[in-house]
Amino acid sequence: VYATGAPYVGTEARAVIDRGRGPEEAFFNFVYQPLLAADGRPTGILSVATDVTAQVQARHAVDEERRRAEVERRR
């Protein structure tokens, strides 16, 4: 981002973090945005991350339930 001046977007990036209960899997959407001087040179990077762990876990649970239902349907 700093070298190119182009933003970078990450979707549902997996991370292992400790929220005080020991290591756990988490997922984040994030953006790295270059901060540019008036002349266009990069002077820094702004990063914003959003924790989307609950949404990813919910989607995985729904997907798993669909797989189970499909297996049951085939029996």
PDB file of N, CA and C in Angstrom:
ATOM      1  N   VAL A   1       0.838  -1.181   0.000  1.00  0.00           N
ATOM      2  CA  VAL A   1       0.000   0.000   0.000  1.00  0.00           C
ATOM      3  C   VAL A   1       0.883   1.244   0.000  1.00  0.00           C
ATOM      4  N   TYR A   2       1.886   1.237   0.844  1.00  0.00           N
ATOM      5  CA  TYR A   2       2.763   2.401   0.916  1.00  0.00           C
ATOM      6  C   TYR A   2       3.542   2.566  -0.387  1.00  0.00           C
ATOM      7  N   ALA A   3       4.025   1.481  -0.943  1.00  0.00           N
ATOM      8  CA  ALA A   3       4.837   1.555  -2.158  1.00  0.00           C
ATOM      9  C   ALA A   3       4.011   1.909  -3.385  1.00  0.00           C
ATOM     10  N   THR A   4       2.786   1.408  -3.468  1.00  0.00           N
ATOM     11  CA  THR A   4       1.987   1.605  -4.671  1.00  0.00           C
ATOM     12  C   THR A   4       1.017   2.778  -4.570  1.00  0.00           C
ATOM     13  N   GLY A   5       0.646   3.149  -3.343  1.00  0.00           N
ATOM     14  CA  GLY A   5      -0.368   4.191  -3.176  1.00  0.00           C
ATOM     15  C   GLY A   5      -1.779   3.687  -3.420  1.00  0.00           C
ATOM     16  N   ALA A   6      -1.927   2.379  -3.628  1.00  0.00           N
ATOM     17  CA  ALA A   6      -3.241   1.792  -3.891  1.00  0.00           C
ATOM     18  C   ALA A   6      -3.795   1.170  -2.618  1.00  0.00           C
ATOM     19  N   PRO A   7      -5.094   1.337  -2.347  1.00  0.00           N
ATOM     20  CA  PRO A   7      -5.681   0.700  -1.163  1.00  0.00           C
ATOM     21  C   PRO A   7      -5.725  -0.815  -1.317  1.00  0.00           C
ATOM     22  N   TYR A   8      -5.832  -1.505  -0.184  1.00  0.00           N
ATOM     23  CA  TYR A   8      -5.961  -2.954  -0.174  1.00  0.00           C
ATOM     24  C   TYR A   8      -7.151  -3.314   0.703  1.00  0.00           C
ATOM     25  N   VAL A   9      -7.986  -4.207   0.198  1.00  0.00           N
ATOM     26  CA  VAL A   9      -9.170  -4.642   0.928  1.00  0.00           C
ATOM     27  C   VAL A   9      -9.053  -6.139   1.186  1.00  0.00           C
ATOM     28  N   GLY A  10      -9.289  -6.535   2.421  1.00  0.00           N
ATOM     29  CA  GLY A  10      -9.303  -7.951   2.795  1.00  0.00           C
ATOM     30  C   GLY A  10     -10.690  -8.322   3.282  1.00  0.00           C
ATOM     31  N   THR A  11     -11.154  -9.475   2.897  1.00  0.00           N
ATOM     32  CA  THR A  11     -12.491  -9.921   3.270  1.00  0.00           C
ATOM     33  C   THR A  11     -12.402 -11.227   4.043  1.00  0.00           C
ATOM     34  N   GLU A  12     -12.982 -11.233   5.215  1.00  0.00           N
ATOM     35  CA  GLU A  12     -13.042 -12.418   6.070  1.00  0.00           C
ATOM     36  C   GLU A  12     -11.664 -13.035   6.282  1.00  0.00           C
ATOM     37  N   ALA A  13     -10.688 -12.173   6.579  1.00  0.00           N
ATOM     38  CA  ALA A  13      -9.344 -12.662   6.866  1.00  0.00           C
ATOM     39  C   ALA A  13      -9.361 -13.386   8.209  1.00  0.00           C
ATOM     40  N   ARG A  14      -8.806 -14.585   8.235  1.00  0.00           N
ATOM     41  CA  ARG A  14      -8.789 -15.396   9.452  1.00  0.00           C
ATOM     42  C   ARG A  14      -7.630 -14.956  10.322  1.00  0.00           C
ATOM     43  N   ALA A  15      -7.870 -14.894  11.616  1.00  0.00           N
ATOM     44  CA  ALA A  15      -6.827 -14.578  12.590  1.00  0.00           C
ATOM     45  C   ALA A  15      -7.085 -15.397  13.840  1.00  0.00           C
ATOM     46  N   VAL A  16      -6.040 -15.672  14.574  1.00  0.00           N
ATOM     47  CA  VAL A  16      -6.167 -16.302  15.882  1.00  0.00           C
ATOM     48  C   VAL A  16      -5.841 -15.218  16.902  1.00  0.00           C
ATOM     49  N   ILE A  17      -6.813 -14.917  17.755  1.00  0.00           N
ATOM     50  CA  ILE A  17      -6.644 -13.840  18.727  1.00  0.00           C
ATOM     51  C   ILE A  17      -7.010 -14.343  20.121  1.00  0.00           C
ATOM     52  N   ASP A  18      -6.598 -13.583  21.121  1.00  0.00           N
ATOM     53  CA  ASP A  18      -6.938 -13.904  22.503  1.00  0.00           C
ATOM     54  C   ASP A  18      -7.775 -12.764  23.054  1.00  0.00           C
ATOM     55  N   ARG A  19      -9.034 -13.042  23.311  1.00  0.00           N
ATOM     56  CA  ARG A  19      -9.948 -12.044  23.867  1.00  0.00           C
ATOM     57  C   ARG A  19     -10.045 -12.192  25.388  1.00  0.00           C
ATOM     58  N   GLY A  20      -9.022 -12.799  25.982  1.00  0.00           N
ATOM     59  CA  GLY A  20      -8.995 -13.004  27.418  1.00  0.00           C
ATOM     60  C   GLY A  20      -9.433 -14.384  27.847  1.00  0.00           C
ATOM     61  N   ARG A  21      -9.819 -15.233  26.884  1.00  0.00           N
ATOM     62  CA  ARG A  21     -10.260 -16.597  27.189  1.00  0.00           C
ATOM     63  C   ARG A  21      -9.355 -17.634  26.529  1.00  0.00           C
ATOM     64  N   GLY A  22      -8.212 -17.195  26.063  1.00  0.00           N
ATOM     65  CA  GLY A  22      -7.304 -18.079  25.339  1.00  0.00           C
ATOM     66  C   GLY A  22      -7.469 -17.891  23.840  1.00  0.00           C
ATOM     67  N   PRO A  23      -6.603 -18.483  23.044  1.00  0.00           N
ATOM     68  CA  PRO A  23      -6.642 -18.302  21.592  1.00  0.00           C
ATOM     69  C   PRO A  23      -7.956 -18.790  20.990  1.00  0.00           C
ATOM     70  N   GLU A  24      -8.475 -18.024  20.056  1.00  0.00           N
ATOM     71  CA  GLU A  24      -9.681 -18.426  19.332  1.00  0.00           C
ATOM     72  C   GLU A  24      -9.624 -17.873  17.910  1.00  0.00           C
ATOM     73  N   GLU A  25     -10.344 -18.548  17.039  1.00  0.00           N
ATOM     74  CA  GLU A  25     -10.416 -18.146  15.637  1.00  0.00           C
ATOM     75  C   GLU A  25     -11.342 -16.940  15.500  1.00  0.00           C
ATOM     76  N   ALA A  26     -10.920 -15.961  14.709  1.00  0.00           N
ATOM     77  CA  ALA A  26     -11.738 -14.783  14.441  1.00  0.00           C
ATOM     78  C   ALA A  26     -11.594 -14.425  12.968  1.00  0.00           C
ATOM     79  N   PHE A  27     -12.541 -13.623  12.479  1.00  0.00           N
ATOM     80  CA  PHE A  27     -12.519 -13.194  11.078  1.00  0.00           C
ATOM     81  C   PHE A  27     -12.733 -11.688  11.012  1.00  0.00           C
ATOM     82  N   PHE A  28     -12.002 -11.047  10.104  1.00  0.00           N
ATOM     83  CA  PHE A  28     -12.070  -9.598   9.965  1.00  0.00           C
ATOM     84  C   PHE A  28     -12.148  -9.182   8.502  1.00  0.00           C
ATOM     85  N   ASN A  29     -12.944  -8.162   8.240  1.00  0.00           N
ATOM     86  CA  ASN A  29     -12.872  -7.433   6.983  1.00  0.00           C
ATOM     87  C   ASN A  29     -12.007  -6.217   7.275  1.00  0.00           C
ATOM     88  N   PHE A  30     -11.145  -5.854   6.348  1.00  0.00           N
ATOM     89  CA  PHE A  30     -10.280  -4.712   6.608  1.00  0.00           C
ATOM     90  C   PHE A  30      -9.942  -3.961   5.333  1.00  0.00           C
ATOM     91  N   VAL A  31      -9.525  -2.713   5.537  1.00  0.00           N
ATOM     92  CA  VAL A  31      -9.076  -1.864   4.442  1.00  0.00           C
ATOM     93  C   VAL A  31      -7.790  -1.187   4.889  1.00  0.00           C
ATOM     94  N   TYR A  32      -6.774  -1.223   4.039  1.00  0.00           N
ATOM     95  CA  TYR A  32      -5.568  -0.418   4.222  1.00  0.00           C
ATOM     96  C   TYR A  32      -5.650   0.695   3.181  1.00  0.00           C
ATOM     97  N   GLN A  33      -5.678   1.923   3.633  1.00  0.00           N
ATOM     98  CA  GLN A  33      -5.838   3.078   2.752  1.00  0.00           C
ATOM     99  C   GLN A  33      -4.601   3.961   2.877  1.00  0.00           C
ATOM    100  N   PRO A  34      -3.933   4.287   1.761  1.00  0.00           N
ATOM    101  CA  PRO A  34      -2.767   5.161   1.872  1.00  0.00           C
ATOM    102  C   PRO A  34      -3.186   6.580   2.257  1.00  0.00           C
ATOM    103  N   LEU A  35      -2.364   7.202   3.079  1.00  0.00           N
ATOM    104  CA  LEU A  35      -2.539   8.620   3.393  1.00  0.00           C
ATOM    105  C   LEU A  35      -1.533   9.366   2.530  1.00  0.00           C
ATOM    106  N   LEU A  36      -2.020  10.300   1.728  1.00  0.00           N
ATOM    107  CA  LEU A  36      -1.174  10.968   0.738  1.00  0.00           C
ATOM    108  C   LEU A  36      -0.963  12.437   1.091  1.00  0.00           C
ATOM    109  N   ALA A  37       0.251  12.909   0.844  1.00  0.00           N
ATOM    110  CA  ALA A  37       0.559  14.330   0.988  1.00  0.00           C
ATOM    111  C   ALA A  37      -0.069  15.086  -0.181  1.00  0.00           C
ATOM    112  N   ALA A  38      -0.043  16.381  -0.108  1.00  0.00           N
ATOM    113  CA  ALA A  38      -0.625  17.218  -1.169  1.00  0.00           C
ATOM    114  C   ALA A  38      -0.005  16.915  -2.527  1.00  0.00           C
ATOM    115  N   ASP A  39       1.262  16.507  -2.538  1.00  0.00           N
ATOM    116  CA  ASP A  39       1.928  16.205  -3.810  1.00  0.00           C
ATOM    117  C   ASP A  39       1.712  14.764  -4.263  1.00  0.00           C
ATOM    118  N   GLY A  40       0.904  14.007  -3.521  1.00  0.00           N
ATOM    119  CA  GLY A  40       0.576  12.643  -3.916  1.00  0.00           C
ATOM    120  C   GLY A  40       1.473  11.574  -3.326  1.00  0.00           C
ATOM    121  N   ARG A  41       2.521  11.961  -2.626  1.00  0.00           N
ATOM    122  CA  ARG A  41       3.407  10.967  -2.006  1.00  0.00           C
ATOM    123  C   ARG A  41       2.728  10.352  -0.788  1.00  0.00           C
ATOM    124  N   PRO A  42       2.887   9.033  -0.609  1.00  0.00           N
ATOM    125  CA  PRO A  42       2.312   8.416   0.584  1.00  0.00           C
ATOM    126  C   PRO A  42       3.067   8.858   1.833  1.00  0.00           C
ATOM    127  N   THR A  43       2.322   9.172   2.886  1.00  0.00           N
ATOM    128  CA  THR A  43       2.926   9.582   4.150  1.00  0.00           C
ATOM    129  C   THR A  43       2.561   8.626   5.292  1.00  0.00           C
ATOM    130  N   GLY A  44       1.645   7.716   5.033  1.00  0.00           N
ATOM    131  CA  GLY A  44       1.225   6.767   6.052  1.00  0.00           C
ATOM    132  C   GLY A  44       0.138   5.871   5.521  1.00  0.00           C
ATOM    133  N   ILE A  45      -0.363   5.034   6.387  1.00  0.00           N
ATOM    134  CA  ILE A  45      -1.430   4.096   6.015  1.00  0.00           C
ATOM    135  C   ILE A  45      -2.489   4.123   7.112  1.00  0.00           C
ATOM    136  N   LEU A  46      -3.720   4.269   6.704  1.00  0.00           N
ATOM    137  CA  LEU A  46      -4.859   4.168   7.608  1.00  0.00           C
ATOM    138  C   LEU A  46      -5.414   2.756   7.473  1.00  0.00           C
ATOM    139  N   SER A  47      -5.602   2.080   8.593  1.00  0.00           N
ATOM    140  CA  SER A  47      -6.193   0.746   8.526  1.00  0.00           C
ATOM    141  C   SER A  47      -7.458   0.726   9.370  1.00  0.00           C
ATOM    142  N   VAL A  48      -8.477   0.077   8.823  1.00  0.00           N
ATOM    143  CA  VAL A  48      -9.754  -0.078   9.503  1.00  0.00           C
ATOM    144  C   VAL A  48     -10.126  -1.556   9.409  1.00  0.00           C
ATOM    145  N   ALA A  49     -10.460  -2.133  10.555  1.00  0.00           N
ATOM    146  CA  ALA A  49     -10.851  -3.543  10.579  1.00  0.00           C
ATOM    147  C   ALA A  49     -12.199  -3.674  11.269  1.00  0.00           C
ATOM    148  N   THR A  50     -13.019  -4.570  10.747  1.00  0.00           N
ATOM    149  CA  THR A  50     -14.317  -4.860  11.329  1.00  0.00           C
ATOM    150  C   THR A  50     -14.376  -6.342  11.652  1.00  0.00           C
ATOM    151  N   ASP A  51     -14.697  -6.663  12.888  1.00  0.00           N
ATOM    152  CA  ASP A  51     -14.806  -8.050  13.314  1.00  0.00           C
ATOM    153  C   ASP A  51     -16.106  -8.632  12.757  1.00  0.00           C
ATOM    154  N   VAL A  52     -15.983  -9.624  11.883  1.00  0.00           N
ATOM    155  CA  VAL A  52     -17.152 -10.264  11.278  1.00  0.00           C
ATOM    156  C   VAL A  52     -17.241 -11.737  11.689  1.00  0.00           C
ATOM    157  N   THR A  53     -16.636 -12.070  12.829  1.00  0.00           N
ATOM    158  CA  THR A  53     -16.603 -13.449  13.304  1.00  0.00           C
ATOM    159  C   THR A  53     -18.005 -14.030  13.458  1.00  0.00           C
ATOM    160  N   ALA A  54     -18.897 -13.299  14.095  1.00  0.00           N
ATOM    161  CA  ALA A  54     -20.256 -13.823  14.328  1.00  0.00           C
ATOM    162  C   ALA A  54     -20.964 -14.124  13.015  1.00  0.00           C
ATOM    163  N   GLN A  55     -20.811 -13.261  12.031  1.00  0.00           N
ATOM    164  CA  GLN A  55     -21.466 -13.485  10.741  1.00  0.00           C
ATOM    165  C   GLN A  55     -20.893 -14.715  10.041  1.00  0.00           C
ATOM    166  N   VAL A  56     -19.567 -14.856  10.083  1.00  0.00           N
ATOM    167  CA  VAL A  56     -18.934 -16.009   9.433  1.00  0.00           C
ATOM    168  C   VAL A  56     -19.354 -17.305  10.133  1.00  0.00           C
ATOM    169  N   GLN A  57     -19.349 -17.306  11.467  1.00  0.00           N
ATOM    170  CA  GLN A  57     -19.755 -18.497  12.199  1.00  0.00           C
ATOM    171  C   GLN A  57     -21.215 -18.853  11.913  1.00  0.00           C
ATOM    172  N   ALA A  58     -22.082 -17.858  11.837  1.00  0.00           N
ATOM    173  CA  ALA A  58     -23.494 -18.115  11.536  1.00  0.00           C
ATOM    174  C   ALA A  58     -23.646 -18.712  10.140  1.00  0.00           C
ATOM    175  N   ARG A  59     -22.933 -18.170   9.173  1.00  0.00           N
ATOM    176  CA  ARG A  59     -23.008 -18.705   7.814  1.00  0.00           C
ATOM    177  C   ARG A  59     -22.488 -20.136   7.765  1.00  0.00           C
ATOM    178  N   HIS A  60     -21.392 -20.416   8.478  1.00  0.00           N
ATOM    179  CA  HIS A  60     -20.859 -21.784   8.511  1.00  0.00           C
ATOM    180  C   HIS A  60     -21.873 -22.740   9.139  1.00  0.00           C
ATOM    181  N   ALA A  61     -22.563 -22.306  10.196  1.00  0.00           N
ATOM    182  CA  ALA A  61     -23.575 -23.148  10.840  1.00  0.00           C
ATOM    183  C   ALA A  61     -24.730 -23.439   9.880  1.00  0.00           C
ATOM    184  N   VAL A  62     -25.175 -22.439   9.144  1.00  0.00           N
ATOM    185  CA  VAL A  62     -26.253 -22.635   8.171  1.00  0.00           C
ATOM    186  C   VAL A  62     -25.797 -23.592   7.070  1.00  0.00           C
ATOM    187  N   ASP A  63     -24.574 -23.393   6.572  1.00  0.00           N
ATOM    188  CA  ASP A  63     -24.047 -24.284   5.531  1.00  0.00           C
ATOM    189  C   ASP A  63     -23.973 -25.721   6.022  1.00  0.00           C
ATOM    190  N   GLU A  64     -23.517 -25.910   7.261  1.00  0.00           N
ATOM    191  CA  GLU A  64     -23.425 -27.259   7.819  1.00  0.00           C
ATOM    192  C   GLU A  64     -24.807 -27.878   7.970  1.00  0.00           C
ATOM    193  N   GLU A  65     -25.764 -27.113   8.414  1.00  0.00           N
ATOM    194  CA  GLU A  65     -27.136 -27.616   8.561  1.00  0.00           C
ATOM    195  C   GLU A  65     -27.718 -28.001   7.199  1.00  0.00           C
ATOM    196  N   ARG A  66     -27.425 -27.226   6.186  1.00  0.00           N
ATOM    197  CA  ARG A  66     -27.883 -27.575   4.825  1.00  0.00           C
ATOM    198  C   ARG A  66     -27.266 -28.887   4.358  1.00  0.00           C
ATOM    199  N   ARG A  67     -25.966 -29.072   4.634  1.00  0.00           N
ATOM    200  CA  ARG A  67     -25.307 -30.326   4.252  1.00  0.00           C
ATOM    201  C   ARG A  67     -25.954 -31.507   4.969  1.00  0.00           C
ATOM    202  N   ARG A  68     -26.211 -31.352   6.262  1.00  0.00           N
ATOM    203  CA  ARG A  68     -26.858 -32.431   7.020  1.00  0.00           C
ATOM    204  C   ARG A  68     -28.240 -32.740   6.469  1.00  0.00           C
ATOM    205  N   ALA A  69     -29.009 -31.704   6.161  1.00  0.00           N
ATOM    206  CA  ALA A  69     -30.361 -31.907   5.624  1.00  0.00           C
ATOM    207  C   ALA A  69     -30.289 -32.629   4.274  1.00  0.00           C
ATOM    208  N   GLU A  70     -29.308 -32.278   3.462  1.00  0.00           N
ATOM    209  CA  GLU A  70     -29.171 -32.929   2.165  1.00  0.00           C
ATOM    210  C   GLU A  70     -28.818 -34.404   2.331  1.00  0.00           C
ATOM    211  N   VAL A  71     -27.955 -34.727   3.270  1.00  0.00           N
ATOM    212  CA  VAL A  71     -27.606 -36.119   3.534  1.00  0.00           C
ATOM    213  C   VAL A  71     -28.829 -36.884   4.010  1.00  0.00           C
ATOM    214  N   GLU A  72     -29.582 -36.297   4.917  1.00  0.00           N
ATOM    215  CA  GLU A  72     -30.811 -36.936   5.410  1.00  0.00           C
ATOM    216  C   GLU A  72     -31.832 -37.136   4.298  1.00  0.00           C
ATOM    217  N   ARG A  73     -31.946 -36.154   3.425  1.00  0.00           N
ATOM    218  CA  ARG A  73     -32.898 -36.241   2.323  1.00  0.00           C
ATOM    219  C   ARG A  73     -32.556 -37.395   1.391  1.00  0.00           C
ATOM    220  N   ARG A  74     -31.271 -37.655   1.196  1.00  0.00           N
ATOM    221  CA  ARG A  74     -30.822 -38.713   0.292  1.00  0.00           C
ATOM    222  C   ARG A  74     -31.002 -40.105   0.888  1.00  0.00           C
ATOM    223  N   ARG A  75     -31.214 -40.207   2.172  1.00  0.00           N
ATOM    224  CA  ARG A  75     -31.341 -41.531   2.812  1.00  0.00           C
ATOM    225  C   ARG A  75     -32.663 -42.156   2.533  1.00  0.00           C
TER     226      ARG A  75
END
